Amino acid sequence: MKRKLKPVPRFKSEAEERRYWETHASDEHVDWSKAERVRLPNLKPSTTSISLRLPVALLERIKIAANRHDVPYQSLIKTWLAEKTGG
């Protein structure tokens, strides 16, 4: 027997939508048995710029290490941060 799906409500804000999905199951609104797997190969994670003050000597050491690895120093910093935070 087919179950009647509820329409997804309209939300006034992202916060309101977040609260809704924290307390409601998506299968009330979506028939997951008809879902298809998709690939999004060009999807890039969103990023944000930050300003970080570093001692000049530390930045120079980072740039030397990046040069040894043949990568941009900012990429090396991101790699190190990801490794340290388990990301």
PDB file of N, CA and C in Angstrom:
ATOM      1  N   MET A   1       0.837  -1.181   0.000  1.00  0.00           N
ATOM      2  CA  MET A   1       0.000   0.000   0.000  1.00  0.00           C
ATOM      3  C   MET A   1       0.883   1.246   0.000  1.00  0.00           C
ATOM      4  N   LYS A   2       0.557   2.172  -0.888  1.00  0.00           N
ATOM      5  CA  LYS A   2       1.329   3.405  -0.975  1.00  0.00           C
ATOM      6  C   LYS A   2       0.961   4.349   0.147  1.00  0.00           C
ATOM      7  N   ARG A   3       1.977   4.933   0.714  1.00  0.00           N
ATOM      8  CA  ARG A   3       1.776   5.871   1.812  1.00  0.00           C
ATOM      9  C   ARG A   3       1.720   7.290   1.245  1.00  0.00           C
ATOM     10  N   LYS A   4       0.840   8.103   1.748  1.00  0.00           N
ATOM     11  CA  LYS A   4       0.716   9.488   1.286  1.00  0.00           C
ATOM     12  C   LYS A   4       1.840  10.309   1.903  1.00  0.00           C
ATOM     13  N   LEU A   5       2.627  10.963   1.039  1.00  0.00           N
ATOM     14  CA  LEU A   5       3.735  11.788   1.514  1.00  0.00           C
ATOM     15  C   LEU A   5       3.250  13.189   1.840  1.00  0.00           C
ATOM     16  N   LYS A   6       3.822  13.761   2.886  1.00  0.00           N
ATOM     17  CA  LYS A   6       3.489  15.124   3.267  1.00  0.00           C
ATOM     18  C   LYS A   6       4.289  16.097   2.408  1.00  0.00           C
ATOM     19  N   PRO A   7       3.717  17.225   2.034  1.00  0.00           N
ATOM     20  CA  PRO A   7       4.508  18.224   1.305  1.00  0.00           C
ATOM     21  C   PRO A   7       5.541  18.863   2.240  1.00  0.00           C
ATOM     22  N   VAL A   8       6.664  19.243   1.675  1.00  0.00           N
ATOM     23  CA  VAL A   8       7.691  19.929   2.472  1.00  0.00           C
ATOM     24  C   VAL A   8       7.187  21.346   2.737  1.00  0.00           C
ATOM     25  N   PRO A   9       7.175  21.763   3.990  1.00  0.00           N
ATOM     26  CA  PRO A   9       6.674  23.111   4.296  1.00  0.00           C
ATOM     27  C   PRO A   9       7.596  24.196   3.758  1.00  0.00           C
ATOM     28  N   ARG A  10       7.055  25.374   3.620  1.00  0.00           N
ATOM     29  CA  ARG A  10       7.868  26.548   3.251  1.00  0.00           C
ATOM     30  C   ARG A  10       8.423  27.130   4.547  1.00  0.00           C
ATOM     31  N   PHE A  11       9.691  27.512   4.505  1.00  0.00           N
ATOM     32  CA  PHE A  11      10.351  28.026   5.704  1.00  0.00           C
ATOM     33  C   PHE A  11      10.682  29.501   5.518  1.00  0.00           C
ATOM     34  N   LYS A  12      10.591  30.257   6.608  1.00  0.00           N
ATOM     35  CA  LYS A  12      10.898  31.688   6.560  1.00  0.00           C
ATOM     36  C   LYS A  12      12.392  31.944   6.638  1.00  0.00           C
ATOM     37  N   SER A  13      13.131  30.991   7.195  1.00  0.00           N
ATOM     38  CA  SER A  13      14.576  31.188   7.350  1.00  0.00           C
ATOM     39  C   SER A  13      15.267  29.834   7.381  1.00  0.00           C
ATOM     40  N   GLU A  14      16.566  29.875   7.206  1.00  0.00           N
ATOM     41  CA  GLU A  14      17.369  28.660   7.281  1.00  0.00           C
ATOM     42  C   GLU A  14      17.304  28.062   8.697  1.00  0.00           C
ATOM     43  N   ALA A  15      17.282  28.934   9.692  1.00  0.00           N
ATOM     44  CA  ALA A  15      17.208  28.465  11.080  1.00  0.00           C
ATOM     45  C   ALA A  15      15.896  27.718  11.332  1.00  0.00           C
ATOM     46  N   GLU A  16      14.804  28.242  10.794  1.00  0.00           N
ATOM     47  CA  GLU A  16      13.512  27.574  10.954  1.00  0.00           C
ATOM     48  C   GLU A  16      13.537  26.203  10.259  1.00  0.00           C
ATOM     49  N   GLU A  17      14.124  26.140   9.082  1.00  0.00           N
ATOM     50  CA  GLU A  17      14.223  24.868   8.366  1.00  0.00           C
ATOM     51  C   GLU A  17      15.078  23.872   9.143  1.00  0.00           C
ATOM     52  N   ARG A  18      16.186  24.347   9.691  1.00  0.00           N
ATOM     53  CA  ARG A  18      17.077  23.481  10.470  1.00  0.00           C
ATOM     54  C   ARG A  18      16.325  22.880  11.665  1.00  0.00           C
ATOM     55  N   ARG A  19      15.574  23.741  12.374  1.00  0.00           N
ATOM     56  CA  ARG A  19      14.807  23.257  13.528  1.00  0.00           C
ATOM     57  C   ARG A  19      13.789  22.197  13.096  1.00  0.00           C
ATOM     58  N   TYR A  20      13.161  22.411  11.953  1.00  0.00           N
ATOM     59  CA  TYR A  20      12.162  21.459  11.462  1.00  0.00           C
ATOM     60  C   TYR A  20      12.807  20.096  11.202  1.00  0.00           C
ATOM     61  N   TRP A  21      13.912  20.078  10.459  1.00  0.00           N
ATOM     62  CA  TRP A  21      14.528  18.797  10.088  1.00  0.00           C
ATOM     63  C   TRP A  21      15.196  18.103  11.269  1.00  0.00           C
ATOM     64  N   GLU A  22      15.485  18.836  12.337  1.00  0.00           N
ATOM     65  CA  GLU A  22      16.020  18.215  13.543  1.00  0.00           C
ATOM     66  C   GLU A  22      14.961  17.380  14.263  1.00  0.00           C
ATOM     67  N   THR A  23      13.690  17.681  13.992  1.00  0.00           N
ATOM     68  CA  THR A  23      12.613  16.994  14.716  1.00  0.00           C
ATOM     69  C   THR A  23      11.679  16.190  13.816  1.00  0.00           C
ATOM     70  N   HIS A  24      11.928  16.166  12.506  1.00  0.00           N
ATOM     71  CA  HIS A  24      11.063  15.433  11.584  1.00  0.00           C
ATOM     72  C   HIS A  24      11.900  14.518  10.696  1.00  0.00           C
ATOM     73  N   ALA A  25      11.373  13.359  10.396  1.00  0.00           N
ATOM     74  CA  ALA A  25      12.061  12.417   9.511  1.00  0.00           C
ATOM     75  C   ALA A  25      11.781  12.788   8.058  1.00  0.00           C
ATOM     76  N   SER A  26      12.806  12.710   7.229  1.00  0.00           N
ATOM     77  CA  SER A  26      12.636  13.063   5.819  1.00  0.00           C
ATOM     78  C   SER A  26      11.736  12.067   5.087  1.00  0.00           C
ATOM     79  N   ASP A  27      11.629  10.838   5.588  1.00  0.00           N
ATOM     80  CA  ASP A  27      10.804   9.859   4.882  1.00  0.00           C
ATOM     81  C   ASP A  27       9.305  10.153   5.005  1.00  0.00           C
ATOM     82  N   GLU A  28       8.939  11.155   5.811  1.00  0.00           N
ATOM     83  CA  GLU A  28       7.552  11.624   5.823  1.00  0.00           C
ATOM     84  C   GLU A  28       7.256  12.417   4.550  1.00  0.00           C
ATOM     85  N   HIS A  29       8.322  12.885   3.886  1.00  0.00           N
ATOM     86  CA  HIS A  29       8.187  13.783   2.744  1.00  0.00           C
ATOM     87  C   HIS A  29       8.758  13.220   1.440  1.00  0.00           C
ATOM     88  N   VAL A  30       9.626  12.223   1.538  1.00  0.00           N
ATOM     89  CA  VAL A  30      10.335  11.708   0.370  1.00  0.00           C
ATOM     90  C   VAL A  30      10.208  10.191   0.332  1.00  0.00           C
ATOM     91  N   ASP A  31       9.934   9.653  -0.858  1.00  0.00           N
ATOM     92  CA  ASP A  31       9.925   8.204  -1.040  1.00  0.00           C
ATOM     93  C   ASP A  31      11.339   7.786  -1.412  1.00  0.00           C
ATOM     94  N   TRP A  32      12.117   7.393  -0.415  1.00  0.00           N
ATOM     95  CA  TRP A  32      13.532   7.084  -0.638  1.00  0.00           C
ATOM     96  C   TRP A  32      13.728   5.829  -1.479  1.00  0.00           C
ATOM     97  N   SER A  33      12.701   5.006  -1.638  1.00  0.00           N
ATOM     98  CA  SER A  33      12.839   3.806  -2.475  1.00  0.00           C
ATOM     99  C   SER A  33      13.012   4.178  -3.944  1.00  0.00           C
ATOM    100  N   LYS A  34      12.646   5.399  -4.314  1.00  0.00           N
ATOM    101  CA  LYS A  34      12.793   5.857  -5.701  1.00  0.00           C
ATOM    102  C   LYS A  34      14.044   6.715  -5.898  1.00  0.00           C
ATOM    103  N   ALA A  35      14.809   6.872  -4.860  1.00  0.00           N
ATOM    104  CA  ALA A  35      16.009   7.713  -4.949  1.00  0.00           C
ATOM    105  C   ALA A  35      17.062   7.057  -5.835  1.00  0.00           C
ATOM    106  N   GLU A  36      17.831   7.894  -6.529  1.00  0.00           N
ATOM    107  CA  GLU A  36      18.923   7.415  -7.362  1.00  0.00           C
ATOM    108  C   GLU A  36      20.219   8.044  -6.888  1.00  0.00           C
ATOM    109  N   ARG A  37      21.285   7.271  -6.940  1.00  0.00           N
ATOM    110  CA  ARG A  37      22.602   7.771  -6.542  1.00  0.00           C
ATOM    111  C   ARG A  37      23.145   8.681  -7.646  1.00  0.00           C
ATOM    112  N   VAL A  38      23.708   9.817  -7.255  1.00  0.00           N
ATOM    113  CA  VAL A  38      24.303  10.741  -8.223  1.00  0.00           C
ATOM    114  C   VAL A  38      25.731  11.045  -7.813  1.00  0.00           C
ATOM    115  N   ARG A  39      26.519  11.466  -8.771  1.00  0.00           N
ATOM    116  CA  ARG A  39      27.892  11.894  -8.513  1.00  0.00           C
ATOM    117  C   ARG A  39      28.003  13.370  -8.859  1.00  0.00           C
ATOM    118  N   LEU A  40      28.684  14.107  -8.024  1.00  0.00           N
ATOM    119  CA  LEU A  40      28.914  15.529  -8.250  1.00  0.00           C
ATOM    120  C   LEU A  40      30.420  15.771  -8.211  1.00  0.00           C
ATOM    121  N   PRO A  41      31.134  15.395  -9.285  1.00  0.00           N
ATOM    122  CA  PRO A  41      32.593  15.420  -9.245  1.00  0.00           C
ATOM    123  C   PRO A  41      33.206  16.816  -9.144  1.00  0.00           C
ATOM    124  N   ASN A  42      32.497  17.837  -9.591  1.00  0.00           N
ATOM    125  CA  ASN A  42      33.069  19.182  -9.574  1.00  0.00           C
ATOM    126  C   ASN A  42      32.633  20.017  -8.380  1.00  0.00           C
ATOM    127  N   LEU A  43      31.937  19.380  -7.446  1.00  0.00           N
ATOM    128  CA  LEU A  43      31.461  20.090  -6.269  1.00  0.00           C
ATOM    129  C   LEU A  43      32.630  20.372  -5.344  1.00  0.00           C
ATOM    130  N   LYS A  44      32.798  21.630  -4.993  1.00  0.00           N
ATOM    131  CA  LYS A  44      33.891  22.016  -4.109  1.00  0.00           C
ATOM    132  C   LYS A  44      33.320  22.450  -2.764  1.00  0.00           C
ATOM    133  N   PRO A  45      33.986  22.080  -1.683  1.00  0.00           N
ATOM    134  CA  PRO A  45      33.482  22.514  -0.377  1.00  0.00           C
ATOM    135  C   PRO A  45      33.559  24.032  -0.256  1.00  0.00           C
ATOM    136  N   SER A  46      32.616  24.612   0.440  1.00  0.00           N
ATOM    137  CA  SER A  46      32.647  26.057   0.621  1.00  0.00           C
ATOM    138  C   SER A  46      33.807  26.428   1.538  1.00  0.00           C
ATOM    139  N   THR A  47      34.369  27.573   1.271  1.00  0.00           N
ATOM    140  CA  THR A  47      35.498  28.050   2.064  1.00  0.00           C
ATOM    141  C   THR A  47      35.228  29.476   2.505  1.00  0.00           C
ATOM    142  N   THR A  48      35.999  29.912   3.458  1.00  0.00           N
ATOM    143  CA  THR A  48      35.921  31.299   3.901  1.00  0.00           C
ATOM    144  C   THR A  48      37.336  31.792   4.167  1.00  0.00           C
ATOM    145  N   SER A  49      37.544  33.063   3.926  1.00  0.00           N
ATOM    146  CA  SER A  49      38.857  33.658   4.177  1.00  0.00           C
ATOM    147  C   SER A  49      38.965  34.075   5.633  1.00  0.00           C
ATOM    148  N   ILE A  50      40.153  33.897   6.181  1.00  0.00           N
ATOM    149  CA  ILE A  50      40.420  34.376   7.528  1.00  0.00           C
ATOM    150  C   ILE A  50      41.708  35.175   7.500  1.00  0.00           C
ATOM    151  N   SER A  51      41.871  35.994   8.478  1.00  0.00           N
ATOM    152  CA  SER A  51      43.107  36.739   8.641  1.00  0.00           C
ATOM    153  C   SER A  51      43.826  36.149   9.842  1.00  0.00           C
ATOM    154  N   LEU A  52      45.078  35.797   9.654  1.00  0.00           N
ATOM    155  CA  LEU A  52      45.833  35.150  10.721  1.00  0.00           C
ATOM    156  C   LEU A  52      47.190  35.827  10.828  1.00  0.00           C
ATOM    157  N   ARG A  53      47.474  36.369  11.978  1.00  0.00           N
ATOM    158  CA  ARG A  53      48.768  37.024  12.190  1.00  0.00           C
ATOM    159  C   ARG A  53      49.766  35.995  12.697  1.00  0.00           C
ATOM    160  N   LEU A  54      50.883  35.871  11.972  1.00  0.00           N
ATOM    161  CA  LEU A  54      51.936  34.939  12.349  1.00  0.00           C
ATOM    162  C   LEU A  54      53.239  35.690  12.501  1.00  0.00           C
ATOM    163  N   PRO A  55      54.097  35.250  13.389  1.00  0.00           N
ATOM    164  CA  PRO A  55      55.429  35.843  13.454  1.00  0.00           C
ATOM    165  C   PRO A  55      56.145  35.626  12.109  1.00  0.00           C
ATOM    166  N   VAL A  56      56.890  36.619  11.677  1.00  0.00           N
ATOM    167  CA  VAL A  56      57.565  36.562  10.385  1.00  0.00           C
ATOM    168  C   VAL A  56      58.437  35.310  10.275  1.00  0.00           C
ATOM    169  N   ALA A  57      59.171  35.001  11.324  1.00  0.00           N
ATOM    170  CA  ALA A  57      60.068  33.841  11.288  1.00  0.00           C
ATOM    171  C   ALA A  57      59.277  32.542  11.089  1.00  0.00           C
ATOM    172  N   LEU A  58      58.114  32.419  11.726  1.00  0.00           N
ATOM    173  CA  LEU A  58      57.291  31.224  11.570  1.00  0.00           C
ATOM    174  C   LEU A  58      56.791  31.110  10.134  1.00  0.00           C
ATOM    175  N   LEU A  59      56.300  32.212   9.590  1.00  0.00           N
ATOM    176  CA  LEU A  59      55.821  32.198   8.214  1.00  0.00           C
ATOM    177  C   LEU A  59      56.942  31.817   7.251  1.00  0.00           C
ATOM    178  N   GLU A  60      58.136  32.309   7.482  1.00  0.00           N
ATOM    179  CA  GLU A  60      59.272  31.960   6.615  1.00  0.00           C
ATOM    180  C   GLU A  60      59.569  30.463   6.693  1.00  0.00           C
ATOM    181  N   ARG A  61      59.504  29.885   7.882  1.00  0.00           N
ATOM    182  CA  ARG A  61      59.735  28.439   8.023  1.00  0.00           C
ATOM    183  C   ARG A  61      58.646  27.644   7.298  1.00  0.00           C
ATOM    184  N   ILE A  62      57.420  28.116   7.388  1.00  0.00           N
ATOM    185  CA  ILE A  62      56.317  27.451   6.680  1.00  0.00           C
ATOM    186  C   ILE A  62      56.539  27.529   5.177  1.00  0.00           C
ATOM    187  N   LYS A  63      56.948  28.672   4.683  1.00  0.00           N
ATOM    188  CA  LYS A  63      57.190  28.839   3.241  1.00  0.00           C
ATOM    189  C   LYS A  63      58.332  27.939   2.770  1.00  0.00           C
ATOM    190  N   ILE A  64      59.359  27.783   3.592  1.00  0.00           N
ATOM    191  CA  ILE A  64      60.481  26.892   3.242  1.00  0.00           C
ATOM    192  C   ILE A  64      59.982  25.449   3.172  1.00  0.00           C
ATOM    193  N   ALA A  65      59.177  25.041   4.159  1.00  0.00           N
ATOM    194  CA  ALA A  65      58.628  23.681   4.162  1.00  0.00           C
ATOM    195  C   ALA A  65      57.731  23.466   2.946  1.00  0.00           C
ATOM    196  N   ALA A  66      56.924  24.457   2.612  1.00  0.00           N
ATOM    197  CA  ALA A  66      56.045  24.347   1.445  1.00  0.00           C
ATOM    198  C   ALA A  66      56.864  24.223   0.164  1.00  0.00           C
ATOM    199  N   ASN A  67      57.946  24.970   0.083  1.00  0.00           N
ATOM    200  CA  ASN A  67      58.815  24.908  -1.096  1.00  0.00           C
ATOM    201  C   ASN A  67      59.426  23.509  -1.219  1.00  0.00           C
ATOM    202  N   ARG A  68      59.831  22.923  -0.099  1.00  0.00           N
ATOM    203  CA  ARG A  68      60.386  21.561  -0.119  1.00  0.00           C
ATOM    204  C   ARG A  68      59.355  20.549  -0.622  1.00  0.00           C
ATOM    205  N   HIS A  69      58.089  20.764  -0.275  1.00  0.00           N
ATOM    206  CA  HIS A  69      57.008  19.866  -0.708  1.00  0.00           C
ATOM    207  C   HIS A  69      56.440  20.268  -2.067  1.00  0.00           C
ATOM    208  N   ASP A  70      56.925  21.373  -2.615  1.00  0.00           N
ATOM    209  CA  ASP A  70      56.470  21.894  -3.909  1.00  0.00           C
ATOM    210  C   ASP A  70      54.957  22.156  -3.925  1.00  0.00           C
ATOM    211  N   VAL A  71      54.474  22.804  -2.844  1.00  0.00           N
ATOM    212  CA  VAL A  71      53.069  23.201  -2.750  1.00  0.00           C
ATOM    213  C   VAL A  71      53.007  24.646  -2.264  1.00  0.00           C
ATOM    214  N   PRO A  72      51.933  25.361  -2.562  1.00  0.00           N
ATOM    215  CA  PRO A  72      51.775  26.704  -2.011  1.00  0.00           C
ATOM    216  C   PRO A  72      51.708  26.651  -0.480  1.00  0.00           C
ATOM    217  N   TYR A  73      52.272  27.652   0.167  1.00  0.00           N
ATOM    218  CA  TYR A  73      52.333  27.605   1.634  1.00  0.00           C
ATOM    219  C   TYR A  73      50.949  27.592   2.267  1.00  0.00           C
ATOM    220  N   GLN A  74      49.968  28.270   1.660  1.00  0.00           N
ATOM    221  CA  GLN A  74      48.622  28.270   2.237  1.00  0.00           C
ATOM    222  C   GLN A  74      48.001  26.876   2.162  1.00  0.00           C
ATOM    223  N   SER A  75      48.271  26.149   1.086  1.00  0.00           N
ATOM    224  CA  SER A  75      47.778  24.769   0.968  1.00  0.00           C
ATOM    225  C   SER A  75      48.418  23.884   2.026  1.00  0.00           C
ATOM    226  N   LEU A  76      49.701  24.092   2.274  1.00  0.00           N
ATOM    227  CA  LEU A  76      50.387  23.307   3.301  1.00  0.00           C
ATOM    228  C   LEU A  76      49.800  23.587   4.687  1.00  0.00           C
ATOM    229  N   ILE A  77      49.525  24.836   4.967  1.00  0.00           N
ATOM    230  CA  ILE A  77      48.904  25.194   6.251  1.00  0.00           C
ATOM    231  C   ILE A  77      47.549  24.495   6.389  1.00  0.00           C
ATOM    232  N   LYS A  78      46.717  24.514   5.320  1.00  0.00           N
ATOM    233  CA  LYS A  78      45.416  23.855   5.369  1.00  0.00           C
ATOM    234  C   LYS A  78      45.580  22.348   5.601  1.00  0.00           C
ATOM    235  N   THR A  79      46.552  21.739   4.935  1.00  0.00           N
ATOM    236  CA  THR A  79      46.808  20.310   5.117  1.00  0.00           C
ATOM    237  C   THR A  79      47.183  20.011   6.555  1.00  0.00           C
ATOM    238  N   TRP A  80      48.103  20.800   7.101  1.00  0.00           N
ATOM    239  CA  TRP A  80      48.518  20.577   8.487  1.00  0.00           C
ATOM    240  C   TRP A  80      47.348  20.748   9.458  1.00  0.00           C
ATOM    241  N   LEU A  81      46.532  21.788   9.243  1.00  0.00           N
ATOM    242  CA  LEU A  81      45.380  22.002  10.127  1.00  0.00           C
ATOM    243  C   LEU A  81      44.396  20.837  10.043  1.00  0.00           C
ATOM    244  N   ALA A  82      44.150  20.347   8.830  1.00  0.00           N
ATOM    245  CA  ALA A  82      43.242  19.208   8.654  1.00  0.00           C
ATOM    246  C   ALA A  82      43.777  17.975   9.364  1.00  0.00           C
ATOM    247  N   GLU A  83      45.092  17.730   9.255  1.00  0.00           N
ATOM    248  CA  GLU A  83      45.697  16.573   9.919  1.00  0.00           C
ATOM    249  C   GLU A  83      45.562  16.683  11.439  1.00  0.00           C
ATOM    250  N   LYS A  84      45.802  17.853  11.962  1.00  0.00           N
ATOM    251  CA  LYS A  84      45.761  18.054  13.419  1.00  0.00           C
ATOM    252  C   LYS A  84      44.341  17.983  13.986  1.00  0.00           C
ATOM    253  N   THR A  85      43.356  18.339  13.165  1.00  0.00           N
ATOM    254  CA  THR A  85      41.984  18.356  13.664  1.00  0.00           C
ATOM    255  C   THR A  85      41.195  17.131  13.242  1.00  0.00           C
ATOM    256  N   GLY A  86      41.841  16.200  12.573  1.00  0.00           N
ATOM    257  CA  GLY A  86      41.157  14.986  12.142  1.00  0.00           C
ATOM    258  C   GLY A  86      40.260  15.201  10.940  1.00  0.00           C
ATOM    259  N   GLY A  87      40.457  16.330  10.239  1.00  0.00           N
ATOM    260  CA  GLY A  87      39.613  16.624   9.077  1.00  0.00           C
ATOM    261  C   GLY A  87      40.248  16.223   7.838  1.00  0.00           C
TER     262      GLY A  87
END
